Amino acid sequence: MLSKSKYVNGLNLLILQKYPRDVRFQAIAGYNGTFDWYQSRAVCETFGRNLAIIKTEADMADLNTTVVLSKLYLQQGINTTMNRFYIGLIRELAAGDWKWYTGETLDVPWPYWRTGQPDSVQDNVCARVKLWDEQLLLASDNPCDNITLDIICE
């Protein structure tokens, strides 16, 4: 896996290249920063990308591949977990629908929620996926201003 470092808005980011096959996702690890949902999206947009949209099993398989390989690569002493990051899914009102950043409503049921999720009754909650048991990504709802160390863009 190839990587390069780039400064974006004062943050030193490690950009991990796609490997070993041409999956559509790109991992970005923050050396000296943490990101909420809005900041994560802004970093992706800096690279002409956006947060991930997960609609199919193939999407989730590609995302899993990117995360697992990136996590293995980053176990070289870099301060990152590469196991928890936002995707492009947001619910702005507690009684509102979940929508992708494109404005498209989430198809329900969505099979990638962690058991018991979503469960927040707050406004402005975003979906964040986490790597469980080193191999399985599942989503939970979190306040959009909660921070994460890493970003996955598509």
C-alpha atoms as a PDB file:
ATOM      1  CA  MET A   1       0.000   0.000   0.000  1.00  0.00           C
ATOM      2  CA  LEU A   2       1.384   3.376  -0.985  1.00  0.00           C
ATOM      3  CA  SER A   3       0.949   6.520   1.058  1.00  0.00           C
ATOM      4  CA  LYS A   4       1.745  10.202   0.894  1.00  0.00           C
ATOM      5  CA  SER A   5       1.517  13.012   3.380  1.00  0.00           C
ATOM      6  CA  LYS A   6      -0.375  16.230   2.642  1.00  0.00           C
ATOM      7  CA  TYR A   7      -1.214  19.344   4.657  1.00  0.00           C
ATOM      8  CA  VAL A   8      -4.874  20.413   4.530  1.00  0.00           C
ATOM      9  CA  ASN A   9      -6.042  23.361   6.630  1.00  0.00           C
ATOM     10  CA  GLY A  10      -3.063  22.956   8.957  1.00  0.00           C
ATOM     11  CA  LEU A  11      -3.578  19.213   9.413  1.00  0.00           C
ATOM     12  CA  ASN A  12      -0.924  16.713   8.417  1.00  0.00           C
ATOM     13  CA  LEU A  13      -2.870  13.897   6.739  1.00  0.00           C
ATOM     14  CA  LEU A  14      -1.602  10.533   5.593  1.00  0.00           C
ATOM     15  CA  ILE A  15      -3.302   9.604   2.335  1.00  0.00           C
ATOM     16  CA  LEU A  16      -3.424   5.852   1.808  1.00  0.00           C
ATOM     17  CA  GLN A  17      -3.714   4.713  -1.771  1.00  0.00           C
ATOM     18  CA  LYS A  18      -6.187   2.056  -2.884  1.00  0.00           C
ATOM     19  CA  TYR A  19      -4.804  -1.459  -2.607  1.00  0.00           C
ATOM     20  CA  PRO A  20      -4.760  -4.281  -3.695  1.00  0.00           C
ATOM     21  CA  ARG A  21      -7.641  -3.839  -6.099  1.00  0.00           C
ATOM     22  CA  ASP A  22      -9.368  -0.790  -7.406  1.00  0.00           C
ATOM     23  CA  VAL A  23     -11.980  -0.297  -4.700  1.00  0.00           C
ATOM     24  CA  ARG A  24     -13.668   3.074  -4.713  1.00  0.00           C
ATOM     25  CA  PHE A  25     -12.702   4.157  -1.210  1.00  0.00           C
ATOM     26  CA  GLN A  26      -9.625   5.991   0.025  1.00  0.00           C
ATOM     27  CA  ALA A  27      -8.431   6.051   3.627  1.00  0.00           C
ATOM     28  CA  ILE A  28      -7.102   9.214   5.229  1.00  0.00           C
ATOM     29  CA  ALA A  29      -5.430   9.106   8.636  1.00  0.00           C
ATOM     30  CA  GLY A  30      -4.971  12.268  10.679  1.00  0.00           C
ATOM     31  CA  TYR A  31      -1.500  12.670  12.202  1.00  0.00           C
ATOM     32  CA  ASN A  32      -2.391  15.678  14.288  1.00  0.00           C
ATOM     33  CA  GLY A  33      -6.111  16.189  14.140  1.00  0.00           C
ATOM     34  CA  THR A  34      -9.539  14.851  14.870  1.00  0.00           C
ATOM     35  CA  PHE A  35     -12.630  15.378  12.758  1.00  0.00           C
ATOM     36  CA  ASP A  36     -16.363  15.699  13.244  1.00  0.00           C
ATOM     37  CA  TRP A  37     -18.798  14.776  10.440  1.00  0.00           C
ATOM     38  CA  TYR A  38     -18.654  18.196   8.810  1.00  0.00           C
ATOM     39  CA  GLN A  39     -14.846  18.386   8.957  1.00  0.00           C
ATOM     40  CA  SER A  40     -14.554  14.842   7.606  1.00  0.00           C
ATOM     41  CA  ARG A  41     -16.737  15.790   4.664  1.00  0.00           C
ATOM     42  CA  ALA A  42     -14.699  18.976   4.066  1.00  0.00           C
ATOM     43  CA  VAL A  43     -11.436  17.014   3.997  1.00  0.00           C
ATOM     44  CA  CYS A  44     -12.905  14.599   1.438  1.00  0.00           C
ATOM     45  CA  GLU A  45     -14.102  17.516  -0.693  1.00  0.00           C
ATOM     46  CA  THR A  46     -10.548  18.902  -0.667  1.00  0.00           C
ATOM     47  CA  PHE A  47      -9.583  15.799  -2.632  1.00  0.00           C
ATOM     48  CA  GLY A  48     -12.585  15.974  -4.966  1.00  0.00           C
ATOM     49  CA  ARG A  49     -14.319  13.185  -3.050  1.00  0.00           C
ATOM     50  CA  ASN A  50     -16.993  12.815  -0.388  1.00  0.00           C
ATOM     51  CA  LEU A  51     -17.931  10.595   2.533  1.00  0.00           C
ATOM     52  CA  ALA A  52     -18.868   7.020   1.674  1.00  0.00           C
ATOM     53  CA  ILE A  53     -22.356   5.973   0.638  1.00  0.00           C
ATOM     54  CA  ILE A  54     -23.128   2.331   1.459  1.00  0.00           C
ATOM     55  CA  LYS A  55     -26.126   0.902  -0.378  1.00  0.00           C
ATOM     56  CA  THR A  56     -25.102  -2.609  -1.378  1.00  0.00           C
ATOM     57  CA  GLU A  57     -23.186  -5.611  -0.079  1.00  0.00           C
ATOM     58  CA  ALA A  58     -20.490  -4.843  -2.656  1.00  0.00           C
ATOM     59  CA  ASP A  59     -20.145  -1.308  -1.248  1.00  0.00           C
ATOM     60  CA  MET A  60     -19.721  -2.697   2.260  1.00  0.00           C
ATOM     61  CA  ALA A  61     -17.253  -5.353   1.073  1.00  0.00           C
ATOM     62  CA  ASP A  62     -15.109  -2.681  -0.614  1.00  0.00           C
ATOM     63  CA  LEU A  63     -15.271  -0.485   2.471  1.00  0.00           C
ATOM     64  CA  ASN A  64     -14.288  -3.416   4.706  1.00  0.00           C
ATOM     65  CA  THR A  65     -11.342  -4.214   2.435  1.00  0.00           C
ATOM     66  CA  THR A  66     -10.101  -0.628   2.520  1.00  0.00           C
ATOM     67  CA  VAL A  67     -10.410  -0.348   6.302  1.00  0.00           C
ATOM     68  CA  VAL A  68      -8.857  -3.712   7.165  1.00  0.00           C
ATOM     69  CA  LEU A  69      -5.881  -3.227   4.820  1.00  0.00           C
ATOM     70  CA  SER A  70      -5.386   0.359   5.980  1.00  0.00           C
ATOM     71  CA  LYS A  71      -5.499  -0.714   9.616  1.00  0.00           C
ATOM     72  CA  LEU A  72      -2.828  -3.360   9.001  1.00  0.00           C
ATOM     73  CA  TYR A  73      -0.659  -0.837   7.177  1.00  0.00           C
ATOM     74  CA  LEU A  74      -1.019   1.761   9.913  1.00  0.00           C
ATOM     75  CA  GLN A  75       0.018  -0.515  12.757  1.00  0.00           C
ATOM     76  CA  GLN A  76       3.506   0.847  12.212  1.00  0.00           C
ATOM     77  CA  GLY A  77       3.306   3.241  15.169  1.00  0.00           C
ATOM     78  CA  ILE A  78       1.098   5.958  13.687  1.00  0.00           C
ATOM     79  CA  ASN A  79      -1.371   7.428  16.199  1.00  0.00           C
ATOM     80  CA  THR A  80      -4.581   6.299  14.547  1.00  0.00           C
ATOM     81  CA  THR A  81      -7.151   3.597  15.068  1.00  0.00           C
ATOM     82  CA  MET A  82      -8.529   3.293  11.520  1.00  0.00           C
ATOM     83  CA  ASN A  83     -11.570   1.583  12.938  1.00  0.00           C
ATOM     84  CA  ARG A  84     -14.154   4.345  13.456  1.00  0.00           C
ATOM     85  CA  PHE A  85     -15.182   6.979  10.927  1.00  0.00           C
ATOM     86  CA  TYR A  86     -18.180   8.782   9.502  1.00  0.00           C
ATOM     87  CA  ILE A  87     -20.040   7.875   6.356  1.00  0.00           C
ATOM     88  CA  GLY A  88     -22.228  10.216   4.322  1.00  0.00           C
ATOM     89  CA  LEU A  89     -25.445   9.544   6.243  1.00  0.00           C
ATOM     90  CA  ILE A  90     -27.131  12.224   8.397  1.00  0.00           C
ATOM     91  CA  ARG A  91     -30.438  12.833  10.171  1.00  0.00           C
ATOM     92  CA  GLU A  92     -30.879  16.524  10.871  1.00  0.00           C
ATOM     93  CA  LEU A  93     -34.126  16.335  12.863  1.00  0.00           C
ATOM     94  CA  ALA A  94     -34.914  13.764  15.546  1.00  0.00           C
ATOM     95  CA  ALA A  95     -38.213  12.934  13.835  1.00  0.00           C
ATOM     96  CA  GLY A  96     -36.734  13.218  10.344  1.00  0.00           C
ATOM     97  CA  ASP A  97     -35.536  10.702   7.803  1.00  0.00           C
ATOM     98  CA  TRP A  98     -31.976   9.501   7.452  1.00  0.00           C
ATOM     99  CA  LYS A  99     -30.489  10.930   4.249  1.00  0.00           C
ATOM    100  CA  TRP A 100     -27.274  10.586   2.307  1.00  0.00           C
ATOM    101  CA  TYR A 101     -25.316  13.810   1.794  1.00  0.00           C
ATOM    102  CA  THR A 102     -26.763  13.818  -1.737  1.00  0.00           C
ATOM    103  CA  GLY A 103     -30.245  14.400  -0.245  1.00  0.00           C
ATOM    104  CA  GLU A 104     -31.398  10.889  -1.141  1.00  0.00           C
ATOM    105  CA  THR A 105     -33.439   9.203   1.612  1.00  0.00           C
ATOM    106  CA  LEU A 106     -31.974   6.039   3.133  1.00  0.00           C
ATOM    107  CA  ASP A 107     -33.728   2.844   2.054  1.00  0.00           C
ATOM    108  CA  VAL A 108     -35.181   1.147   5.123  1.00  0.00           C
ATOM    109  CA  PRO A 109     -34.414  -1.353   6.489  1.00  0.00           C
ATOM    110  CA  TRP A 110     -30.693  -0.730   6.115  1.00  0.00           C
ATOM    111  CA  PRO A 111     -28.817  -3.929   7.101  1.00  0.00           C
ATOM    112  CA  TYR A 112     -25.613  -2.270   8.312  1.00  0.00           C
ATOM    113  CA  TRP A 113     -26.792  -0.824  11.625  1.00  0.00           C
ATOM    114  CA  ARG A 114     -25.284  -2.339  14.748  1.00  0.00           C
ATOM    115  CA  THR A 115     -27.881  -4.155  16.904  1.00  0.00           C
ATOM    116  CA  GLY A 116     -30.081  -1.603  18.678  1.00  0.00           C
ATOM    117  CA  GLN A 117     -29.143   1.228  16.325  1.00  0.00           C
ATOM    118  CA  PRO A 118     -30.134   3.842  15.425  1.00  0.00           C
ATOM    119  CA  ASP A 119     -31.272   4.898  18.876  1.00  0.00           C
ATOM    120  CA  SER A 120     -30.591   8.632  19.255  1.00  0.00           C
ATOM    121  CA  VAL A 121     -33.478  11.035  19.844  1.00  0.00           C
ATOM    122  CA  GLN A 122     -31.330  14.134  19.200  1.00  0.00           C
ATOM    123  CA  ASP A 123     -31.213  16.427  16.186  1.00  0.00           C
ATOM    124  CA  ASN A 124     -28.109  16.391  13.976  1.00  0.00           C
ATOM    125  CA  VAL A 125     -26.976  12.805  14.271  1.00  0.00           C
ATOM    126  CA  CYS A 126     -24.699  11.155  11.763  1.00  0.00           C
ATOM    127  CA  ALA A 127     -23.822   7.569  10.996  1.00  0.00           C
ATOM    128  CA  ARG A 128     -20.382   6.422  12.024  1.00  0.00           C
ATOM    129  CA  VAL A 129     -19.112   2.958  11.223  1.00  0.00           C
ATOM    130  CA  LYS A 130     -16.764   1.028  13.454  1.00  0.00           C
ATOM    131  CA  LEU A 131     -14.634  -2.020  12.836  1.00  0.00           C
ATOM    132  CA  TRP A 132     -15.745  -4.792  15.207  1.00  0.00           C
ATOM    133  CA  ASP A 133     -13.703  -7.963  15.788  1.00  0.00           C
ATOM    134  CA  GLU A 134     -11.122  -6.677  13.294  1.00  0.00           C
ATOM    135  CA  GLN A 135     -13.310  -7.604  10.347  1.00  0.00           C
ATOM    136  CA  LEU A 136     -16.890  -6.357  10.469  1.00  0.00           C
ATOM    137  CA  LEU A 137     -18.078  -2.784   9.963  1.00  0.00           C
ATOM    138  CA  LEU A 138     -21.375  -1.794  11.563  1.00  0.00           C
ATOM    139  CA  ALA A 139     -22.974   1.638  11.905  1.00  0.00           C
ATOM    140  CA  SER A 140     -24.230   3.535  14.913  1.00  0.00           C
ATOM    141  CA  ASP A 141     -25.758   6.982  15.225  1.00  0.00           C
ATOM    142  CA  ASN A 142     -23.670   9.668  16.896  1.00  0.00           C
ATOM    143  CA  PRO A 143     -23.925  13.424  17.338  1.00  0.00           C
ATOM    144  CA  CYS A 144     -22.370  14.943  14.220  1.00  0.00           C
ATOM    145  CA  ASP A 145     -19.923  16.916  16.348  1.00  0.00           C
ATOM    146  CA  ASN A 146     -18.409  13.795  17.959  1.00  0.00           C
ATOM    147  CA  ILE A 147     -14.834  13.411  16.809  1.00  0.00           C
ATOM    148  CA  THR A 148     -13.059  10.602  15.012  1.00  0.00           C
ATOM    149  CA  LEU A 149      -9.402  10.181  14.085  1.00  0.00           C
ATOM    150  CA  ASP A 150      -9.706   8.869  10.558  1.00  0.00           C
ATOM    151  CA  ILE A 151     -11.629   9.482   7.351  1.00  0.00           C
ATOM    152  CA  ILE A 152     -12.757   7.282   4.483  1.00  0.00           C
ATOM    153  CA  CYS A 153     -13.640   9.063   1.244  1.00  0.00           C
ATOM    154  CA  GLU A 154     -15.100   7.761  -1.993  1.00  0.00           C
END
